[in-house]
Amino acid sequence: MKPLRARVEDRIRETICRACIYEKSDGGCSLKDPNDCPIISRIDKIIDVVRTIRSDKIDPYVERLREVICSECRMQDENGQCTMRDHADCALDDYFVLIVDLVESELVAEARQSAAS
């Protein structure tokens, strides 16, 4: 079985990237530098955020996202305002609910794999 990070990245590329606001008509990404992707460039931190929370509601995940990831983003100002997020131009914010679900399902798969070993 692939490592968790690789599985999460594969699933993000298979699902989220195909619906992303940055996707080009040929299926590629319009971002010139992959490090500009608010999702792919932060996969490890996203996994950590999801791993530390267990809730049926998205609010605790979003709150932690803002504390851990958004607080370090150059697009967010010192007051916590983000014009990218406010204008639905942040792929991480736009797809965060799907990303949480995807990461949680991979964490469950990892736990099952560990229990079976």
PDB file of N, CA and C in Angstrom:
ATOM      1  N   MET A   1       0.836  -1.177   0.000  1.00  0.00           N
ATOM      2  CA  MET A   1       0.000   0.000   0.000  1.00  0.00           C
ATOM      3  C   MET A   1       0.880   1.238   0.000  1.00  0.00           C
ATOM      4  N   LYS A   2       0.516   2.214  -0.812  1.00  0.00           N
ATOM      5  CA  LYS A   2       1.267   3.474  -0.877  1.00  0.00           C
ATOM      6  C   LYS A   2       1.193   4.216   0.452  1.00  0.00           C
ATOM      7  N   PRO A   3       2.156   5.080   0.717  1.00  0.00           N
ATOM      8  CA  PRO A   3       2.094   5.917   1.919  1.00  0.00           C
ATOM      9  C   PRO A   3       0.855   6.828   1.881  1.00  0.00           C
ATOM     10  N   LEU A   4       0.393   7.211   3.059  1.00  0.00           N
ATOM     11  CA  LEU A   4      -0.803   8.043   3.186  1.00  0.00           C
ATOM     12  C   LEU A   4      -0.721   9.293   2.324  1.00  0.00           C
ATOM     13  N   ARG A   5       0.372  10.006   2.402  1.00  0.00           N
ATOM     14  CA  ARG A   5       0.498  11.259   1.649  1.00  0.00           C
ATOM     15  C   ARG A   5       0.321  11.029   0.152  1.00  0.00           C
ATOM     16  N   ALA A   6       0.939   9.984  -0.361  1.00  0.00           N
ATOM     17  CA  ALA A   6       0.841   9.685  -1.796  1.00  0.00           C
ATOM     18  C   ALA A   6      -0.590   9.318  -2.180  1.00  0.00           C
ATOM     19  N   ARG A   7      -1.267   8.549  -1.329  1.00  0.00           N
ATOM     20  CA  ARG A   7      -2.658   8.182  -1.617  1.00  0.00           C
ATOM     21  C   ARG A   7      -3.553   9.412  -1.616  1.00  0.00           C
ATOM     22  N   VAL A   8      -3.346  10.287  -0.635  1.00  0.00           N
ATOM     23  CA  VAL A   8      -4.153  11.512  -0.564  1.00  0.00           C
ATOM     24  C   VAL A   8      -3.892  12.381  -1.792  1.00  0.00           C
ATOM     25  N   GLU A   9      -2.634  12.565  -2.149  1.00  0.00           N
ATOM     26  CA  GLU A   9      -2.324  13.389  -3.325  1.00  0.00           C
ATOM     27  C   GLU A   9      -2.929  12.781  -4.590  1.00  0.00           C
ATOM     28  N   ASP A  10      -2.829  11.481  -4.753  1.00  0.00           N
ATOM     29  CA  ASP A  10      -3.428  10.827  -5.922  1.00  0.00           C
ATOM     30  C   ASP A  10      -4.931  11.082  -5.984  1.00  0.00           C
ATOM     31  N   ARG A  11      -5.592  10.923  -4.867  1.00  0.00           N
ATOM     32  CA  ARG A  11      -7.047  11.128  -4.844  1.00  0.00           C
ATOM     33  C   ARG A  11      -7.416  12.581  -5.091  1.00  0.00           C
ATOM     34  N   ILE A  12      -6.626  13.510  -4.565  1.00  0.00           N
ATOM     35  CA  ILE A  12      -6.878  14.930  -4.830  1.00  0.00           C
ATOM     36  C   ILE A  12      -6.734  15.207  -6.314  1.00  0.00           C
ATOM     37  N   ARG A  13      -5.680  14.688  -6.905  1.00  0.00           N
ATOM     38  CA  ARG A  13      -5.465  14.906  -8.346  1.00  0.00           C
ATOM     39  C   ARG A  13      -6.573  14.262  -9.183  1.00  0.00           C
ATOM     40  N   GLU A  14      -7.079  13.119  -8.750  1.00  0.00           N
ATOM     41  CA  GLU A  14      -8.133  12.419  -9.489  1.00  0.00           C
ATOM     42  C   GLU A  14      -9.497  13.083  -9.351  1.00  0.00           C
ATOM     43  N   THR A  15      -9.753  13.695  -8.216  1.00  0.00           N
ATOM     44  CA  THR A  15     -11.098  14.229  -7.971  1.00  0.00           C
ATOM     45  C   THR A  15     -11.142  15.753  -7.939  1.00  0.00           C
ATOM     46  N   ILE A  16     -10.414  16.339  -7.029  1.00  0.00           N
ATOM     47  CA  ILE A  16     -10.464  17.787  -6.822  1.00  0.00           C
ATOM     48  C   ILE A  16      -9.870  18.540  -8.009  1.00  0.00           C
ATOM     49  N   CYS A  17      -8.702  18.128  -8.460  1.00  0.00           N
ATOM     50  CA  CYS A  17      -8.043  18.848  -9.560  1.00  0.00           C
ATOM     51  C   CYS A  17      -8.917  18.873 -10.816  1.00  0.00           C
ATOM     52  N   ARG A  18      -9.676  17.834 -11.030  1.00  0.00           N
ATOM     53  CA  ARG A  18     -10.531  17.769 -12.220  1.00  0.00           C
ATOM     54  C   ARG A  18     -11.718  18.725 -12.150  1.00  0.00           C
ATOM     55  N   ALA A  19     -12.016  19.221 -10.969  1.00  0.00           N
ATOM     56  CA  ALA A  19     -13.130  20.161 -10.815  1.00  0.00           C
ATOM     57  C   ALA A  19     -12.644  21.553 -10.396  1.00  0.00           C
ATOM     58  N   CYS A  20     -11.346  21.683 -10.231  1.00  0.00           N
ATOM     59  CA  CYS A  20     -10.748  22.894  -9.675  1.00  0.00           C
ATOM     60  C   CYS A  20     -10.915  24.111 -10.585  1.00  0.00           C
ATOM     61  N   ILE A  21     -10.969  25.265  -9.956  1.00  0.00           N
ATOM     62  CA  ILE A  21     -11.078  26.522 -10.692  1.00  0.00           C
ATOM     63  C   ILE A  21      -9.831  26.803 -11.526  1.00  0.00           C
ATOM     64  N   TYR A  22      -8.735  26.133 -11.223  1.00  0.00           N
ATOM     65  CA  TYR A  22      -7.482  26.342 -11.950  1.00  0.00           C
ATOM     66  C   TYR A  22      -7.263  25.338 -13.085  1.00  0.00           C
ATOM     67  N   GLU A  23      -8.203  24.414 -13.276  1.00  0.00           N
ATOM     68  CA  GLU A  23      -8.028  23.412 -14.326  1.00  0.00           C
ATOM     69  C   GLU A  23      -8.216  24.043 -15.708  1.00  0.00           C
ATOM     70  N   LYS A  24      -7.338  23.670 -16.634  1.00  0.00           N
ATOM     71  CA  LYS A  24      -7.446  24.130 -18.018  1.00  0.00           C
ATOM     72  C   LYS A  24      -8.308  23.143 -18.803  1.00  0.00           C
ATOM     73  N   SER A  25      -8.739  23.552 -19.967  1.00  0.00           N
ATOM     74  CA  SER A  25      -9.610  22.705 -20.787  1.00  0.00           C
ATOM     75  C   SER A  25      -8.938  21.397 -21.195  1.00  0.00           C
ATOM     76  N   ASP A  26      -7.612  21.383 -21.270  1.00  0.00           N
ATOM     77  CA  ASP A  26      -6.905  20.152 -21.639  1.00  0.00           C
ATOM     78  C   ASP A  26      -6.653  19.243 -20.434  1.00  0.00           C
ATOM     79  N   GLY A  27      -7.150  19.645 -19.272  1.00  0.00           N
ATOM     80  CA  GLY A  27      -6.992  18.838 -18.070  1.00  0.00           C
ATOM     81  C   GLY A  27      -5.796  19.202 -17.220  1.00  0.00           C
ATOM     82  N   GLY A  28      -4.925  20.051 -17.719  1.00  0.00           N
ATOM     83  CA  GLY A  28      -3.762  20.486 -16.948  1.00  0.00           C
ATOM     84  C   GLY A  28      -4.134  21.591 -15.965  1.00  0.00           C
ATOM     85  N   CYS A  29      -3.163  22.017 -15.233  1.00  0.00           N
ATOM     86  CA  CYS A  29      -3.354  23.078 -14.240  1.00  0.00           C
ATOM     87  C   CYS A  29      -2.875  24.404 -14.812  1.00  0.00           C
ATOM     88  N   SER A  30      -3.652  25.451 -14.606  1.00  0.00           N
ATOM     89  CA  SER A  30      -3.269  26.768 -15.117  1.00  0.00           C
ATOM     90  C   SER A  30      -2.233  27.466 -14.238  1.00  0.00           C
ATOM     91  N   LEU A  31      -1.977  26.931 -13.052  1.00  0.00           N
ATOM     92  CA  LEU A  31      -0.951  27.518 -12.190  1.00  0.00           C
ATOM     93  C   LEU A  31       0.418  27.170 -12.758  1.00  0.00           C
ATOM     94  N   LYS A  32       1.240  28.163 -12.918  1.00  0.00           N
ATOM     95  CA  LYS A  32       2.564  27.947 -13.513  1.00  0.00           C
ATOM     96  C   LYS A  32       3.484  27.146 -12.589  1.00  0.00           C
ATOM     97  N   ASP A  33       3.369  27.363 -11.305  1.00  0.00           N
ATOM     98  CA  ASP A  33       4.211  26.700 -10.323  1.00  0.00           C
ATOM     99  C   ASP A  33       3.334  25.850  -9.401  1.00  0.00           C
ATOM    100  N   PRO A  34       3.571  24.540  -9.312  1.00  0.00           N
ATOM    101  CA  PRO A  34       2.763  23.686  -8.437  1.00  0.00           C
ATOM    102  C   PRO A  34       2.774  24.148  -6.986  1.00  0.00           C
ATOM    103  N   ASN A  35       3.819  24.862  -6.587  1.00  0.00           N
ATOM    104  CA  ASN A  35       3.875  25.374  -5.218  1.00  0.00           C
ATOM    105  C   ASN A  35       2.858  26.483  -4.970  1.00  0.00           C
ATOM    106  N   ASP A  36       2.264  27.005  -6.053  1.00  0.00           N
ATOM    107  CA  ASP A  36       1.218  28.013  -5.906  1.00  0.00           C
ATOM    108  C   ASP A  36      -0.138  27.389  -5.594  1.00  0.00           C
ATOM    109  N   CYS A  37      -0.260  26.080  -5.765  1.00  0.00           N
ATOM    110  CA  CYS A  37      -1.525  25.407  -5.489  1.00  0.00           C
ATOM    111  C   CYS A  37      -1.760  25.384  -3.982  1.00  0.00           C
ATOM    112  N   PRO A  38      -2.862  25.963  -3.527  1.00  0.00           N
ATOM    113  CA  PRO A  38      -3.116  25.987  -2.087  1.00  0.00           C
ATOM    114  C   PRO A  38      -3.437  24.619  -1.505  1.00  0.00           C
ATOM    115  N   ILE A  39      -3.677  23.646  -2.349  1.00  0.00           N
ATOM    116  CA  ILE A  39      -3.968  22.292  -1.861  1.00  0.00           C
ATOM    117  C   ILE A  39      -2.715  21.428  -1.911  1.00  0.00           C
ATOM    118  N   ILE A  40      -2.188  21.209  -3.093  1.00  0.00           N
ATOM    119  CA  ILE A  40      -1.048  20.305  -3.271  1.00  0.00           C
ATOM    120  C   ILE A  40       0.156  20.761  -2.440  1.00  0.00           C
ATOM    121  N   SER A  41       0.397  22.052  -2.386  1.00  0.00           N
ATOM    122  CA  SER A  41       1.565  22.549  -1.650  1.00  0.00           C
ATOM    123  C   SER A  41       1.424  22.407  -0.132  1.00  0.00           C
ATOM    124  N   ARG A  42       0.222  22.092   0.325  1.00  0.00           N
ATOM    125  CA  ARG A  42      -0.012  22.009   1.773  1.00  0.00           C
ATOM    126  C   ARG A  42      -0.585  20.660   2.211  1.00  0.00           C
ATOM    127  N   ILE A  43      -0.399  19.641   1.415  1.00  0.00           N
ATOM    128  CA  ILE A  43      -1.000  18.336   1.720  1.00  0.00           C
ATOM    129  C   ILE A  43      -0.622  17.841   3.113  1.00  0.00           C
ATOM    130  N   ASP A  44       0.635  17.935   3.483  1.00  0.00           N
ATOM    131  CA  ASP A  44       1.055  17.422   4.794  1.00  0.00           C
ATOM    132  C   ASP A  44       0.323  18.135   5.926  1.00  0.00           C
ATOM    133  N   LYS A  45       0.203  19.447   5.835  1.00  0.00           N
ATOM    134  CA  LYS A  45      -0.494  20.206   6.879  1.00  0.00           C
ATOM    135  C   LYS A  45      -1.991  19.907   6.875  1.00  0.00           C
ATOM    136  N   ILE A  46      -2.557  19.719   5.687  1.00  0.00           N
ATOM    137  CA  ILE A  46      -3.977  19.379   5.592  1.00  0.00           C
ATOM    138  C   ILE A  46      -4.236  18.040   6.274  1.00  0.00           C
ATOM    139  N   ILE A  47      -3.390  17.061   6.000  1.00  0.00           N
ATOM    140  CA  ILE A  47      -3.533  15.745   6.636  1.00  0.00           C
ATOM    141  C   ILE A  47      -3.445  15.891   8.146  1.00  0.00           C
ATOM    142  N   ASP A  48      -2.492  16.684   8.632  1.00  0.00           N
ATOM    143  CA  ASP A  48      -2.352  16.895  10.079  1.00  0.00           C
ATOM    144  C   ASP A  48      -3.598  17.547  10.675  1.00  0.00           C
ATOM    145  N   VAL A  49      -4.164  18.534   9.983  1.00  0.00           N
ATOM    146  CA  VAL A  49      -5.380  19.195  10.461  1.00  0.00           C
ATOM    147  C   VAL A  49      -6.502  18.173  10.594  1.00  0.00           C
ATOM    148  N   VAL A  50      -6.713  17.396   9.552  1.00  0.00           N
ATOM    149  CA  VAL A  50      -7.805  16.416   9.564  1.00  0.00           C
ATOM    150  C   VAL A  50      -7.549  15.336  10.610  1.00  0.00           C
ATOM    151  N   ARG A  51      -6.323  14.912  10.725  1.00  0.00           N
ATOM    152  CA  ARG A  51      -5.969  13.849  11.676  1.00  0.00           C
ATOM    153  C   ARG A  51      -6.236  14.257  13.120  1.00  0.00           C
ATOM    154  N   THR A  52      -6.128  15.531  13.435  1.00  0.00           N
ATOM    155  CA  THR A  52      -6.259  15.976  14.830  1.00  0.00           C
ATOM    156  C   THR A  52      -7.696  16.247  15.252  1.00  0.00           C
ATOM    157  N   ILE A  53      -8.648  16.125  14.342  1.00  0.00           N
ATOM    158  CA  ILE A  53     -10.043  16.459  14.659  1.00  0.00           C
ATOM    159  C   ILE A  53     -10.944  15.285  14.317  1.00  0.00           C
ATOM    160  N   ARG A  54     -11.920  15.055  15.163  1.00  0.00           N
ATOM    161  CA  ARG A  54     -12.978  14.083  14.890  1.00  0.00           C
ATOM    162  C   ARG A  54     -14.296  14.787  15.179  1.00  0.00           C
ATOM    163  N   SER A  55     -15.039  15.086  14.132  1.00  0.00           N
ATOM    164  CA  SER A  55     -16.314  15.770  14.296  1.00  0.00           C
ATOM    165  C   SER A  55     -17.225  15.455  13.117  1.00  0.00           C
ATOM    166  N   ASP A  56     -18.527  15.449  13.385  1.00  0.00           N
ATOM    167  CA  ASP A  56     -19.508  15.297  12.313  1.00  0.00           C
ATOM    168  C   ASP A  56     -19.783  16.626  11.636  1.00  0.00           C
ATOM    169  N   LYS A  57     -19.258  17.689  12.189  1.00  0.00           N
ATOM    170  CA  LYS A  57     -19.459  19.028  11.638  1.00  0.00           C
ATOM    171  C   LYS A  57     -18.158  19.523  11.011  1.00  0.00           C
ATOM    172  N   ILE A  58     -18.274  20.355  10.004  1.00  0.00           N
ATOM    173  CA  ILE A  58     -17.092  20.871   9.307  1.00  0.00           C
ATOM    174  C   ILE A  58     -16.448  22.044  10.060  1.00  0.00           C
ATOM    175  N   ASP A  59     -17.220  22.729  10.887  1.00  0.00           N
ATOM    176  CA  ASP A  59     -16.722  23.939  11.560  1.00  0.00           C
ATOM    177  C   ASP A  59     -15.402  23.751  12.309  1.00  0.00           C
ATOM    178  N   PRO A  60     -15.238  22.687  13.104  1.00  0.00           N
ATOM    179  CA  PRO A  60     -13.942  22.523  13.784  1.00  0.00           C
ATOM    180  C   PRO A  60     -12.772  22.356  12.813  1.00  0.00           C
ATOM    181  N   TYR A  61     -13.015  21.695  11.691  1.00  0.00           N
ATOM    182  CA  TYR A  61     -11.979  21.530  10.679  1.00  0.00           C
ATOM    183  C   TYR A  61     -11.616  22.875  10.056  1.00  0.00           C
ATOM    184  N   VAL A  62     -12.635  23.659   9.725  1.00  0.00           N
ATOM    185  CA  VAL A  62     -12.400  24.969   9.116  1.00  0.00           C
ATOM    186  C   VAL A  62     -11.671  25.884  10.088  1.00  0.00           C
ATOM    187  N   GLU A  63     -12.076  25.855  11.341  1.00  0.00           N
ATOM    188  CA  GLU A  63     -11.407  26.685  12.353  1.00  0.00           C
ATOM    189  C   GLU A  63      -9.928  26.324  12.447  1.00  0.00           C
ATOM    190  N   ARG A  64      -9.641  25.046  12.464  1.00  0.00           N
ATOM    191  CA  ARG A  64      -8.241  24.594  12.544  1.00  0.00           C
ATOM    192  C   ARG A  64      -7.479  24.914  11.262  1.00  0.00           C
ATOM    193  N   LEU A  65      -8.147  24.789  10.112  1.00  0.00           N
ATOM    194  CA  LEU A  65      -7.557  25.181   8.828  1.00  0.00           C
ATOM    195  C   LEU A  65      -7.112  26.635   8.879  1.00  0.00           C
ATOM    196  N   ARG A  66      -7.980  27.501   9.369  1.00  0.00           N
ATOM    197  CA  ARG A  66      -7.659  28.928   9.451  1.00  0.00           C
ATOM    198  C   ARG A  66      -6.466  29.169  10.381  1.00  0.00           C
ATOM    199  N   GLU A  67      -6.424  28.454  11.508  1.00  0.00           N
ATOM    200  CA  GLU A  67      -5.338  28.618  12.481  1.00  0.00           C
ATOM    201  C   GLU A  67      -3.996  28.122  11.945  1.00  0.00           C
ATOM    202  N   VAL A  68      -3.998  26.963  11.307  1.00  0.00           N
ATOM    203  CA  VAL A  68      -2.756  26.300  10.925  1.00  0.00           C
ATOM    204  C   VAL A  68      -2.272  26.695   9.539  1.00  0.00           C
ATOM    205  N   ILE A  69      -3.163  26.703   8.573  1.00  0.00           N
ATOM    206  CA  ILE A  69      -2.750  26.894   7.182  1.00  0.00           C
ATOM    207  C   ILE A  69      -2.975  28.320   6.705  1.00  0.00           C
ATOM    208  N   CYS A  70      -4.185  28.813   6.865  1.00  0.00           N
ATOM    209  CA  CYS A  70      -4.492  30.163   6.362  1.00  0.00           C
ATOM    210  C   CYS A  70      -3.655  31.232   7.057  1.00  0.00           C
ATOM    211  N   SER A  71      -3.350  31.024   8.323  1.00  0.00           N
ATOM    212  CA  SER A  71      -2.567  32.021   9.061  1.00  0.00           C
ATOM    213  C   SER A  71      -1.173  32.206   8.477  1.00  0.00           C
ATOM    214  N   GLU A  72      -0.669  31.195   7.765  1.00  0.00           N
ATOM    215  CA  GLU A  72       0.659  31.269   7.145  1.00  0.00           C
ATOM    216  C   GLU A  72       0.611  31.705   5.680  1.00  0.00           C
ATOM    217  N   CYS A  73      -0.579  31.817   5.134  1.00  0.00           N
ATOM    218  CA  CYS A  73      -0.726  32.128   3.707  1.00  0.00           C
ATOM    219  C   CYS A  73      -0.490  33.610   3.453  1.00  0.00           C
ATOM    220  N   ARG A  74       0.239  33.901   2.400  1.00  0.00           N
ATOM    221  CA  ARG A  74       0.546  35.289   2.069  1.00  0.00           C
ATOM    222  C   ARG A  74      -0.674  36.067   1.596  1.00  0.00           C
ATOM    223  N   MET A  75      -1.760  35.363   1.266  1.00  0.00           N
ATOM    224  CA  MET A  75      -2.972  36.026   0.785  1.00  0.00           C
ATOM    225  C   MET A  75      -3.854  36.524   1.926  1.00  0.00           C
ATOM    226  N   GLN A  76      -3.622  36.021   3.128  1.00  0.00           N
ATOM    227  CA  GLN A  76      -4.413  36.449   4.283  1.00  0.00           C
ATOM    228  C   GLN A  76      -3.699  37.584   4.998  1.00  0.00           C
ATOM    229  N   ASP A  77      -4.448  38.620   5.348  1.00  0.00           N
ATOM    230  CA  ASP A  77      -3.828  39.746   6.044  1.00  0.00           C
ATOM    231  C   ASP A  77      -3.750  39.487   7.545  1.00  0.00           C
ATOM    232  N   GLU A  78      -3.169  40.424   8.267  1.00  0.00           N
ATOM    233  CA  GLU A  78      -2.952  40.259   9.708  1.00  0.00           C
ATOM    234  C   GLU A  78      -4.256  40.207  10.506  1.00  0.00           C
ATOM    235  N   ASN A  79      -5.361  40.621   9.891  1.00  0.00           N
ATOM    236  CA  ASN A  79      -6.669  40.578  10.559  1.00  0.00           C
ATOM    237  C   ASN A  79      -7.445  39.303  10.216  1.00  0.00           C
ATOM    238  N   GLY A  80      -6.825  38.404   9.464  1.00  0.00           N
ATOM    239  CA  GLY A  80      -7.488  37.159   9.101  1.00  0.00           C
ATOM    240  C   GLY A  80      -8.368  37.262   7.866  1.00  0.00           C
ATOM    241  N   GLN A  81      -8.298  38.381   7.162  1.00  0.00           N
ATOM    242  CA  GLN A  81      -9.089  38.560   5.948  1.00  0.00           C
ATOM    243  C   GLN A  81      -8.309  38.035   4.750  1.00  0.00           C
ATOM    244  N   CYS A  82      -9.019  37.409   3.837  1.00  0.00           N
ATOM    245  CA  CYS A  82      -8.392  36.867   2.637  1.00  0.00           C
ATOM    246  C   CYS A  82      -9.279  37.182   1.442  1.00  0.00           C
ATOM    247  N   THR A  83      -8.772  37.994   0.537  1.00  0.00           N
ATOM    248  CA  THR A  83      -9.576  38.346  -0.638  1.00  0.00           C
ATOM    249  C   THR A  83      -9.772  37.139  -1.548  1.00  0.00           C
ATOM    250  N   MET A  84      -8.801  36.243  -1.603  1.00  0.00           N
ATOM    251  CA  MET A  84      -8.956  35.027  -2.409  1.00  0.00           C
ATOM    252  C   MET A  84     -10.129  34.200  -1.871  1.00  0.00           C
ATOM    253  N   ARG A  85     -10.141  33.990  -0.591  1.00  0.00           N
ATOM    254  CA  ARG A  85     -11.211  33.219   0.047  1.00  0.00           C
ATOM    255  C   ARG A  85     -12.547  33.940  -0.097  1.00  0.00           C
ATOM    256  N   ASP A  86     -12.544  35.244   0.121  1.00  0.00           N
ATOM    257  CA  ASP A  86     -13.777  36.035   0.049  1.00  0.00           C
ATOM    258  C   ASP A  86     -14.397  36.025  -1.345  1.00  0.00           C
ATOM    259  N   HIS A  87     -13.579  35.866  -2.370  1.00  0.00           N
ATOM    260  CA  HIS A  87     -14.077  35.862  -3.753  1.00  0.00           C
ATOM    261  C   HIS A  87     -14.148  34.453  -4.342  1.00  0.00           C
ATOM    262  N   ALA A  88     -14.094  33.440  -3.471  1.00  0.00           N
ATOM    263  CA  ALA A  88     -14.155  32.035  -3.891  1.00  0.00           C
ATOM    264  C   ALA A  88     -13.069  31.694  -4.908  1.00  0.00           C
ATOM    265  N   ASP A  89     -11.878  32.268  -4.715  1.00  0.00           N
ATOM    266  CA  ASP A  89     -10.742  32.011  -5.594  1.00  0.00           C
ATOM    267  C   ASP A  89      -9.668  31.142  -4.938  1.00  0.00           C
ATOM    268  N   CYS A  90      -9.939  30.634  -3.752  1.00  0.00           N
ATOM    269  CA  CYS A  90      -8.989  29.759  -3.061  1.00  0.00           C
ATOM    270  C   CYS A  90      -9.484  28.324  -3.194  1.00  0.00           C
ATOM    271  N   ALA A  91      -8.758  27.529  -3.946  1.00  0.00           N
ATOM    272  CA  ALA A  91      -9.167  26.137  -4.164  1.00  0.00           C
ATOM    273  C   ALA A  91      -9.224  25.364  -2.849  1.00  0.00           C
ATOM    274  N   LEU A  92      -8.314  25.628  -1.933  1.00  0.00           N
ATOM    275  CA  LEU A  92      -8.331  24.925  -0.652  1.00  0.00           C
ATOM    276  C   LEU A  92      -9.629  25.212   0.089  1.00  0.00           C
ATOM    277  N   ASP A  93     -10.019  26.451   0.152  1.00  0.00           N
ATOM    278  CA  ASP A  93     -11.259  26.812   0.831  1.00  0.00           C
ATOM    279  C   ASP A  93     -12.470  26.271   0.070  1.00  0.00           C
ATOM    280  N   ASP A  94     -12.463  26.404  -1.240  1.00  0.00           N
ATOM    281  CA  ASP A  94     -13.596  25.967  -2.061  1.00  0.00           C
ATOM    282  C   ASP A  94     -13.863  24.471  -1.933  1.00  0.00           C
ATOM    283  N   TYR A  95     -12.817  23.679  -1.845  1.00  0.00           N
ATOM    284  CA  TYR A  95     -12.958  22.222  -1.854  1.00  0.00           C
ATOM    285  C   TYR A  95     -12.647  21.566  -0.514  1.00  0.00           C
ATOM    286  N   PHE A  96     -12.570  22.358   0.532  1.00  0.00           N
ATOM    287  CA  PHE A  96     -12.121  21.832   1.816  1.00  0.00           C
ATOM    288  C   PHE A  96     -13.028  20.731   2.357  1.00  0.00           C
ATOM    289  N   VAL A  97     -14.319  20.843   2.197  1.00  0.00           N
ATOM    290  CA  VAL A  97     -15.235  19.803   2.688  1.00  0.00           C
ATOM    291  C   VAL A  97     -14.918  18.470   2.005  1.00  0.00           C
ATOM    292  N   LEU A  98     -14.713  18.500   0.703  1.00  0.00           N
ATOM    293  CA  LEU A  98     -14.371  17.281  -0.038  1.00  0.00           C
ATOM    294  C   LEU A  98     -13.009  16.743   0.382  1.00  0.00           C
ATOM    295  N   ILE A  99     -12.079  17.649   0.613  1.00  0.00           N
ATOM    296  CA  ILE A  99     -10.733  17.242   1.017  1.00  0.00           C
ATOM    297  C   ILE A  99     -10.774  16.553   2.381  1.00  0.00           C
ATOM    298  N   VAL A 100     -11.545  17.105   3.322  1.00  0.00           N
ATOM    299  CA  VAL A 100     -11.665  16.490   4.649  1.00  0.00           C
ATOM    300  C   VAL A 100     -12.211  15.073   4.505  1.00  0.00           C
ATOM    301  N   ASP A 101     -13.242  14.905   3.713  1.00  0.00           N
ATOM    302  CA  ASP A 101     -13.839  13.589   3.511  1.00  0.00           C
ATOM    303  C   ASP A 101     -12.831  12.616   2.898  1.00  0.00           C
ATOM    304  N   LEU A 102     -12.114  13.076   1.918  1.00  0.00           N
ATOM    305  CA  LEU A 102     -11.114  12.264   1.233  1.00  0.00           C
ATOM    306  C   LEU A 102     -10.001  11.841   2.202  1.00  0.00           C
ATOM    307  N   VAL A 103      -9.471  12.784   2.968  1.00  0.00           N
ATOM    308  CA  VAL A 103      -8.392  12.471   3.916  1.00  0.00           C
ATOM    309  C   VAL A 103      -8.895  11.524   4.996  1.00  0.00           C
ATOM    310  N   GLU A 104     -10.096  11.779   5.512  1.00  0.00           N
ATOM    311  CA  GLU A 104     -10.634  10.891   6.543  1.00  0.00           C
ATOM    312  C   GLU A 104     -10.791   9.466   6.028  1.00  0.00           C
ATOM    313  N   SER A 105     -11.247   9.309   4.795  1.00  0.00           N
ATOM    314  CA  SER A 105     -11.403   7.953   4.258  1.00  0.00           C
ATOM    315  C   SER A 105     -10.044   7.262   4.121  1.00  0.00           C
ATOM    316  N   GLU A 106      -9.008   8.007   3.771  1.00  0.00           N
ATOM    317  CA  GLU A 106      -7.668   7.424   3.682  1.00  0.00           C
ATOM    318  C   GLU A 106      -7.111   7.106   5.069  1.00  0.00           C
ATOM    319  N   LEU A 107      -7.426   7.911   6.061  1.00  0.00           N
ATOM    320  CA  LEU A 107      -6.998   7.617   7.433  1.00  0.00           C
ATOM    321  C   LEU A 107      -7.669   6.337   7.939  1.00  0.00           C
ATOM    322  N   VAL A 108      -8.943   6.156   7.612  1.00  0.00           N
ATOM    323  CA  VAL A 108      -9.658   4.931   7.991  1.00  0.00           C
ATOM    324  C   VAL A 108      -9.015   3.729   7.302  1.00  0.00           C
ATOM    325  N   ALA A 109      -8.718   3.860   6.022  1.00  0.00           N
ATOM    326  CA  ALA A 109      -8.070   2.773   5.278  1.00  0.00           C
ATOM    327  C   ALA A 109      -6.721   2.429   5.895  1.00  0.00           C
ATOM    328  N   GLU A 110      -5.977   3.454   6.300  1.00  0.00           N
ATOM    329  CA  GLU A 110      -4.673   3.233   6.929  1.00  0.00           C
ATOM    330  C   GLU A 110      -4.829   2.508   8.259  1.00  0.00           C
ATOM    331  N   ALA A 111      -5.837   2.889   9.043  1.00  0.00           N
ATOM    332  CA  ALA A 111      -6.074   2.242  10.327  1.00  0.00           C
ATOM    333  C   ALA A 111      -6.464   0.778  10.132  1.00  0.00           C
ATOM    334  N   ARG A 112      -7.291   0.518   9.147  1.00  0.00           N
ATOM    335  CA  ARG A 112      -7.672  -0.869   8.849  1.00  0.00           C
ATOM    336  C   ARG A 112      -6.460  -1.694   8.438  1.00  0.00           C
ATOM    337  N   GLN A 113      -5.620  -1.093   7.604  1.00  0.00           N
ATOM    338  CA  GLN A 113      -4.410  -1.781   7.141  1.00  0.00           C
ATOM    339  C   GLN A 113      -3.498  -2.098   8.321  1.00  0.00           C
ATOM    340  N   SER A 114      -3.348  -1.141   9.233  1.00  0.00           N
ATOM    341  CA  SER A 114      -2.497  -1.357  10.409  1.00  0.00           C
ATOM    342  C   SER A 114      -3.068  -2.439  11.304  1.00  0.00           C
ATOM    343  N   ALA A 115      -4.390  -2.460  11.471  1.00  0.00           N
ATOM    344  CA  ALA A 115      -5.033  -3.448  12.316  1.00  0.00           C
ATOM    345  C   ALA A 115      -4.912  -4.852  11.724  1.00  0.00           C
ATOM    346  N   ALA A 116      -4.900  -4.929  10.402  1.00  0.00           N
ATOM    347  CA  ALA A 116      -4.803  -6.233   9.734  1.00  0.00           C
ATOM    348  C   ALA A 116      -3.377  -6.772   9.729  1.00  0.00           C
ATOM    349  N   SER A 117      -2.411  -5.891   9.970  1.00  0.00           N
ATOM    350  CA  SER A 117      -0.989  -6.309   9.913  1.00  0.00           C
ATOM    351  C   SER A 117      -0.556  -7.006  11.176  1.00  0.00           C
TER     352      SER A 117
END
